[in-house]
C-alpha atoms as a PDB file:
ATOM      1  CA  UNK A   1       0.000   0.000   0.000  1.00  0.00           C
ATOM      2  CA  UNK A   2       1.299   3.462  -0.883  1.00  0.00           C
ATOM      3  CA  UNK A   3       0.999   6.071   1.856  1.00  0.00           C
ATOM      4  CA  UNK A   4       0.043   9.437   0.395  1.00  0.00           C
ATOM      5  CA  UNK A   5      -1.724  11.142   3.316  1.00  0.00           C
ATOM      6  CA  UNK A   6      -1.857  10.892   7.094  1.00  0.00           C
ATOM      7  CA  UNK A   7      -4.028  13.024   9.341  1.00  0.00           C
ATOM      8  CA  UNK A   8      -3.094  13.522  12.983  1.00  0.00           C
ATOM      9  CA  UNK A   9      -5.004  15.554  15.584  1.00  0.00           C
ATOM     10  CA  UNK A  10      -3.373  18.823  14.402  1.00  0.00           C
ATOM     11  CA  UNK A  11      -1.534  17.996  11.177  1.00  0.00           C
ATOM     12  CA  UNK A  12      -1.824  16.805   7.613  1.00  0.00           C
ATOM     13  CA  UNK A  13       1.149  14.831   6.274  1.00  0.00           C
ATOM     14  CA  UNK A  14       1.083  14.219   2.543  1.00  0.00           C
ATOM     15  CA  UNK A  15       3.194  13.484  -0.479  1.00  0.00           C
ATOM     16  CA  UNK A  16       3.709  16.228  -3.039  1.00  0.00           C
ATOM     17  CA  UNK A  17       4.330  16.148  -6.767  1.00  0.00           C
ATOM     18  CA  UNK A  18       6.478  18.448  -8.873  1.00  0.00           C
ATOM     19  CA  UNK A  19       3.763  21.097  -9.062  1.00  0.00           C
ATOM     20  CA  UNK A  20       4.624  21.956  -5.431  1.00  0.00           C
ATOM     21  CA  UNK A  21       8.253  22.826  -6.273  1.00  0.00           C
ATOM     22  CA  UNK A  22       7.729  26.509  -5.461  1.00  0.00           C
ATOM     23  CA  UNK A  23       6.273  25.708  -2.029  1.00  0.00           C
ATOM     24  CA  UNK A  24       9.147  23.346  -1.258  1.00  0.00           C
ATOM     25  CA  UNK A  25      11.650  25.970  -2.400  1.00  0.00           C
ATOM     26  CA  UNK A  26      10.000  28.500  -0.065  1.00  0.00           C
ATOM     27  CA  UNK A  27      10.274  26.033   2.840  1.00  0.00           C
ATOM     28  CA  UNK A  28      14.001  25.512   2.319  1.00  0.00           C
ATOM     29  CA  UNK A  29      14.700  29.185   1.587  1.00  0.00           C
ATOM     30  CA  UNK A  30      12.994  30.217   4.840  1.00  0.00           C
ATOM     31  CA  UNK A  31      15.105  27.720   6.832  1.00  0.00           C
ATOM     32  CA  UNK A  32      18.730  28.021   5.654  1.00  0.00           C
ATOM     33  CA  UNK A  33      19.992  26.588   8.968  1.00  0.00           C
ATOM     34  CA  UNK A  34      18.935  23.095   7.813  1.00  0.00           C
ATOM     35  CA  UNK A  35      22.155  23.047   5.756  1.00  0.00           C
ATOM     36  CA  UNK A  36      24.217  22.866   8.981  1.00  0.00           C
ATOM     37  CA  UNK A  37      22.989  19.302   9.529  1.00  0.00           C
ATOM     38  CA  UNK A  38      23.173  17.983   5.956  1.00  0.00           C
ATOM     39  CA  UNK A  39      25.714  17.148   3.268  1.00  0.00           C
ATOM     40  CA  UNK A  40      26.669  20.015   0.986  1.00  0.00           C
ATOM     41  CA  UNK A  41      23.892  20.971  -1.362  1.00  0.00           C
ATOM     42  CA  UNK A  42      24.309  21.152  -5.139  1.00  0.00           C
ATOM     43  CA  UNK A  43      24.869  24.581  -6.692  1.00  0.00           C
ATOM     44  CA  UNK A  44      21.316  24.652  -8.079  1.00  0.00           C
ATOM     45  CA  UNK A  45      19.584  23.537  -4.848  1.00  0.00           C
ATOM     46  CA  UNK A  46      17.652  26.790  -4.382  1.00  0.00           C
ATOM     47  CA  UNK A  47      15.868  26.626  -7.752  1.00  0.00           C
ATOM     48  CA  UNK A  48      12.415  25.519  -8.859  1.00  0.00           C
ATOM     49  CA  UNK A  49      14.013  23.144 -11.375  1.00  0.00           C
ATOM     50  CA  UNK A  50      15.985  21.340  -8.678  1.00  0.00           C
ATOM     51  CA  UNK A  51      12.972  21.063  -6.366  1.00  0.00           C
ATOM     52  CA  UNK A  52      10.761  19.771  -9.200  1.00  0.00           C
ATOM     53  CA  UNK A  53      13.381  17.158 -10.140  1.00  0.00           C
ATOM     54  CA  UNK A  54      13.684  16.092  -6.494  1.00  0.00           C
ATOM     55  CA  UNK A  55       9.913  15.741  -6.141  1.00  0.00           C
ATOM     56  CA  UNK A  56       9.757  13.647  -9.345  1.00  0.00           C
ATOM     57  CA  UNK A  57      12.526  11.396  -8.012  1.00  0.00           C
ATOM     58  CA  UNK A  58      10.797  11.034  -4.654  1.00  0.00           C
ATOM     59  CA  UNK A  59       7.489  10.162  -6.363  1.00  0.00           C
ATOM     60  CA  UNK A  60       9.256   7.322  -8.174  1.00  0.00           C
ATOM     61  CA  UNK A  61      10.809   6.058  -4.925  1.00  0.00           C
ATOM     62  CA  UNK A  62       7.393   6.161  -3.235  1.00  0.00           C
ATOM     63  CA  UNK A  63       5.764   4.175  -6.065  1.00  0.00           C
ATOM     64  CA  UNK A  64       8.455   1.500  -5.683  1.00  0.00           C
ATOM     65  CA  UNK A  65       7.970   1.561  -1.877  1.00  0.00           C
ATOM     66  CA  UNK A  66      11.703   2.121  -1.418  1.00  0.00           C
ATOM     67  CA  UNK A  67      11.158   5.297   0.581  1.00  0.00           C
ATOM     68  CA  UNK A  68       8.668   7.955   1.514  1.00  0.00           C
ATOM     69  CA  UNK A  69       8.671  11.711   2.052  1.00  0.00           C
ATOM     70  CA  UNK A  70       5.676  13.358   3.644  1.00  0.00           C
ATOM     71  CA  UNK A  71       5.325  17.133   3.835  1.00  0.00           C
ATOM     72  CA  UNK A  72       3.780  18.539   6.989  1.00  0.00           C
ATOM     73  CA  UNK A  73       0.965  21.090   7.089  1.00  0.00           C
ATOM     74  CA  UNK A  74      -1.187  22.289   9.978  1.00  0.00           C
ATOM     75  CA  UNK A  75      -4.920  21.754   9.700  1.00  0.00           C
ATOM     76  CA  UNK A  76      -5.274  25.489  10.416  1.00  0.00           C
ATOM     77  CA  UNK A  77      -3.223  26.348   7.305  1.00  0.00           C
ATOM     78  CA  UNK A  78      -3.169  23.382   4.896  1.00  0.00           C
ATOM     79  CA  UNK A  79      -1.368  25.416   2.217  1.00  0.00           C
ATOM     80  CA  UNK A  80       1.936  26.255   3.944  1.00  0.00           C
ATOM     81  CA  UNK A  81       4.614  23.604   4.429  1.00  0.00           C
ATOM     82  CA  UNK A  82       5.839  23.562   8.037  1.00  0.00           C
ATOM     83  CA  UNK A  83       8.039  20.488   7.853  1.00  0.00           C
ATOM     84  CA  UNK A  84       8.870  17.146   6.381  1.00  0.00           C
ATOM     85  CA  UNK A  85       9.379  13.599   7.584  1.00  0.00           C
ATOM     86  CA  UNK A  86      11.040  11.061   5.318  1.00  0.00           C
ATOM     87  CA  UNK A  87      11.963   7.394   5.286  1.00  0.00           C
ATOM     88  CA  UNK A  88      14.803   6.109   3.122  1.00  0.00           C
ATOM     89  CA  UNK A  89      16.745   2.907   2.584  1.00  0.00           C
ATOM     90  CA  UNK A  90      13.749   0.642   3.117  1.00  0.00           C
ATOM     91  CA  UNK A  91      15.008  -2.922   3.510  1.00  0.00           C
ATOM     92  CA  UNK A  92      12.505  -5.748   3.708  1.00  0.00           C
ATOM     93  CA  UNK A  93      12.987  -9.367   4.669  1.00  0.00           C
ATOM     94  CA  UNK A  94      15.406 -10.375   7.412  1.00  0.00           C
ATOM     95  CA  UNK A  95      16.488  -6.792   8.145  1.00  0.00           C
ATOM     96  CA  UNK A  96      13.035  -5.168   7.919  1.00  0.00           C
ATOM     97  CA  UNK A  97      14.245  -1.621   8.491  1.00  0.00           C
ATOM     98  CA  UNK A  98      14.318   1.959   7.283  1.00  0.00           C
ATOM     99  CA  UNK A  99      15.905   5.267   8.285  1.00  0.00           C
ATOM    100  CA  UNK A 100      13.954   8.373   9.252  1.00  0.00           C
ATOM    101  CA  UNK A 101      14.766  12.040   8.802  1.00  0.00           C
ATOM    102  CA  UNK A 102      12.712  15.130   9.598  1.00  0.00           C
ATOM    103  CA  UNK A 103      12.752  18.922   9.608  1.00  0.00           C
ATOM    104  CA  UNK A 104      10.419  21.517  11.101  1.00  0.00           C
ATOM    105  CA  UNK A 105      10.034  25.166  10.045  1.00  0.00           C
ATOM    106  CA  UNK A 106      11.730  27.679  12.339  1.00  0.00           C
ATOM    107  CA  UNK A 107       8.430  29.565  12.799  1.00  0.00           C
ATOM    108  CA  UNK A 108       6.665  26.614  14.451  1.00  0.00           C
ATOM    109  CA  UNK A 109       9.354  24.930  16.531  1.00  0.00           C
ATOM    110  CA  UNK A 110       8.677  23.916  20.121  1.00  0.00           C
ATOM    111  CA  UNK A 111       4.972  23.361  19.496  1.00  0.00           C
ATOM    112  CA  UNK A 112       5.204  19.556  19.355  1.00  0.00           C
ATOM    113  CA  UNK A 113       4.565  19.363  15.619  1.00  0.00           C
ATOM    114  CA  UNK A 114       7.745  17.394  14.844  1.00  0.00           C
ATOM    115  CA  UNK A 115       7.006  14.869  17.593  1.00  0.00           C
ATOM    116  CA  UNK A 116       3.411  14.454  16.426  1.00  0.00           C
ATOM    117  CA  UNK A 117       4.399  14.036  12.784  1.00  0.00           C
ATOM    118  CA  UNK A 118       7.220  11.575  13.510  1.00  0.00           C
ATOM    119  CA  UNK A 119       5.047   9.482  15.861  1.00  0.00           C
ATOM    120  CA  UNK A 120       2.145   9.130  13.421  1.00  0.00           C
ATOM    121  CA  UNK A 121       4.371   8.610  10.375  1.00  0.00           C
ATOM    122  CA  UNK A 122       6.337   5.849  12.145  1.00  0.00           C
ATOM    123  CA  UNK A 123       3.085   4.096  13.080  1.00  0.00           C
ATOM    124  CA  UNK A 124       1.908   4.040   9.457  1.00  0.00           C
ATOM    125  CA  UNK A 125       5.297   3.012   8.058  1.00  0.00           C
ATOM    126  CA  UNK A 126       5.488   0.063  10.469  1.00  0.00           C
ATOM    127  CA  UNK A 127       2.043  -1.097   9.342  1.00  0.00           C
ATOM    128  CA  UNK A 128       2.100  -0.302   5.633  1.00  0.00           C
ATOM    129  CA  UNK A 129       5.744  -1.061   4.812  1.00  0.00           C
ATOM    130  CA  UNK A 130       5.787  -4.209   6.965  1.00  0.00           C
ATOM    131  CA  UNK A 131       9.057  -3.380   8.670  1.00  0.00           C
ATOM    132  CA  UNK A 132      10.320  -4.115  12.178  1.00  0.00           C
ATOM    133  CA  UNK A 133      12.811  -1.323  12.884  1.00  0.00           C
ATOM    134  CA  UNK A 134      13.226   2.396  12.181  1.00  0.00           C
ATOM    135  CA  UNK A 135      16.670   3.930  12.652  1.00  0.00           C
ATOM    136  CA  UNK A 136      17.478   7.590  13.233  1.00  0.00           C
ATOM    137  CA  UNK A 137      20.841   9.319  13.198  1.00  0.00           C
ATOM    138  CA  UNK A 138      21.577  12.734  14.646  1.00  0.00           C
ATOM    139  CA  UNK A 139      24.632  14.884  15.134  1.00  0.00           C
ATOM    140  CA  UNK A 140      25.750  14.870  18.797  1.00  0.00           C
ATOM    141  CA  UNK A 141      24.913  18.578  19.154  1.00  0.00           C
ATOM    142  CA  UNK A 142      21.435  18.431  17.595  1.00  0.00           C
ATOM    143  CA  UNK A 143      19.571  18.512  20.907  1.00  0.00           C
ATOM    144  CA  UNK A 144      16.131  19.410  19.483  1.00  0.00           C
ATOM    145  CA  UNK A 145      16.234  16.310  17.278  1.00  0.00           C
ATOM    146  CA  UNK A 146      17.287  14.143  20.222  1.00  0.00           C
ATOM    147  CA  UNK A 147      14.287  15.421  22.227  1.00  0.00           C
ATOM    148  CA  UNK A 148      11.889  14.512  19.410  1.00  0.00           C
ATOM    149  CA  UNK A 149      13.332  11.009  19.187  1.00  0.00           C
ATOM    150  CA  UNK A 150      13.108  10.477  22.955  1.00  0.00           C
ATOM    151  CA  UNK A 151       9.486  11.705  23.084  1.00  0.00           C
ATOM    152  CA  UNK A 152       8.479   9.315  20.296  1.00  0.00           C
ATOM    153  CA  UNK A 153      10.183   6.370  22.025  1.00  0.00           C
ATOM    154  CA  UNK A 154      13.415   5.901  20.074  1.00  0.00           C
ATOM    155  CA  UNK A 155      16.243   4.379  22.130  1.00  0.00           C
ATOM    156  CA  UNK A 156      19.840   5.583  21.889  1.00  0.00           C
ATOM    157  CA  UNK A 157      22.036   2.740  20.620  1.00  0.00           C
ATOM    158  CA  UNK A 158      25.495   4.253  20.294  1.00  0.00           C
ATOM    159  CA  UNK A 159      27.786   6.417  18.207  1.00  0.00           C
ATOM    160  CA  UNK A 160      28.523   5.789  14.553  1.00  0.00           C
ATOM    161  CA  UNK A 161      31.976   7.203  13.813  1.00  0.00           C
ATOM    162  CA  UNK A 162      32.502   9.423  10.766  1.00  0.00           C
ATOM    163  CA  UNK A 163      29.070   8.465   9.457  1.00  0.00           C
ATOM    164  CA  UNK A 164      28.490  11.337   7.049  1.00  0.00           C
ATOM    165  CA  UNK A 165      30.325  14.154   5.321  1.00  0.00           C
ATOM    166  CA  UNK A 166      28.567  17.257   6.669  1.00  0.00           C
ATOM    167  CA  UNK A 167      29.686  20.623   5.343  1.00  0.00           C
ATOM    168  CA  UNK A 168      33.116  19.294   4.385  1.00  0.00           C
ATOM    169  CA  UNK A 169      33.894  17.342   7.586  1.00  0.00           C
ATOM    170  CA  UNK A 170      33.273  13.708   8.487  1.00  0.00           C
ATOM    171  CA  UNK A 171      30.974  13.770  11.508  1.00  0.00           C
ATOM    172  CA  UNK A 172      29.987  11.220  14.097  1.00  0.00           C
ATOM    173  CA  UNK A 173      26.268  10.567  14.560  1.00  0.00           C
ATOM    174  CA  UNK A 174      24.308   9.117  17.445  1.00  0.00           C
ATOM    175  CA  UNK A 175      22.200   6.145  16.346  1.00  0.00           C
ATOM    176  CA  UNK A 176      18.679   5.578  17.663  1.00  0.00           C
ATOM    177  CA  UNK A 177      16.277   2.721  17.062  1.00  0.00           C
ATOM    178  CA  UNK A 178      12.522   2.235  17.301  1.00  0.00           C
ATOM    179  CA  UNK A 179      10.914  -1.212  17.024  1.00  0.00           C
ATOM    180  CA  UNK A 180       7.417  -1.992  15.837  1.00  0.00           C
ATOM    181  CA  UNK A 181       6.792  -3.506  19.286  1.00  0.00           C
ATOM    182  CA  UNK A 182       7.679  -0.229  21.065  1.00  0.00           C
ATOM    183  CA  UNK A 183       4.781   1.833  22.383  1.00  0.00           C
ATOM    184  CA  UNK A 184       4.256   4.928  20.235  1.00  0.00           C
ATOM    185  CA  UNK A 185       1.620   6.358  22.563  1.00  0.00           C
ATOM    186  CA  UNK A 186      -1.141   6.652  19.942  1.00  0.00           C
END
């Protein structure tokens, strides 16, 4: 089953197609600090063409059930992107796992939206992707992300050395895990 929409008490999480490239570009342009936690972006990142190409690629990945990106909107304003939650590297069978990533707009932080979105998205991915484990990785100084993971029920599992090249430097990440048998509090 392909997940294309999830409604929570306060939020709408949904997939977007390339026609939303301008909205996605606005989201990233309004939150340049996201780049501090990610690999270097291509020279054309802040363009409609790049965002449209990314959304086309993500639509293909979703159709193949190899990953999922949901864009977060409040029910009060269902036209403005306030965040995203994504799942990548879906592995079925004996490993039954995926990796989660998420971002929340600077204007709506500390309102519980990231926690709510991550909790509900994890619940659906466990059920609809038939996986057993969701992994999360965060930089050791990304305390807001660590709080979200703890609130949802992720358990810290250790440090992965030099996991990713972030802004030109190999950086350690803290690994977290959530199992389908963990209580998500829904």
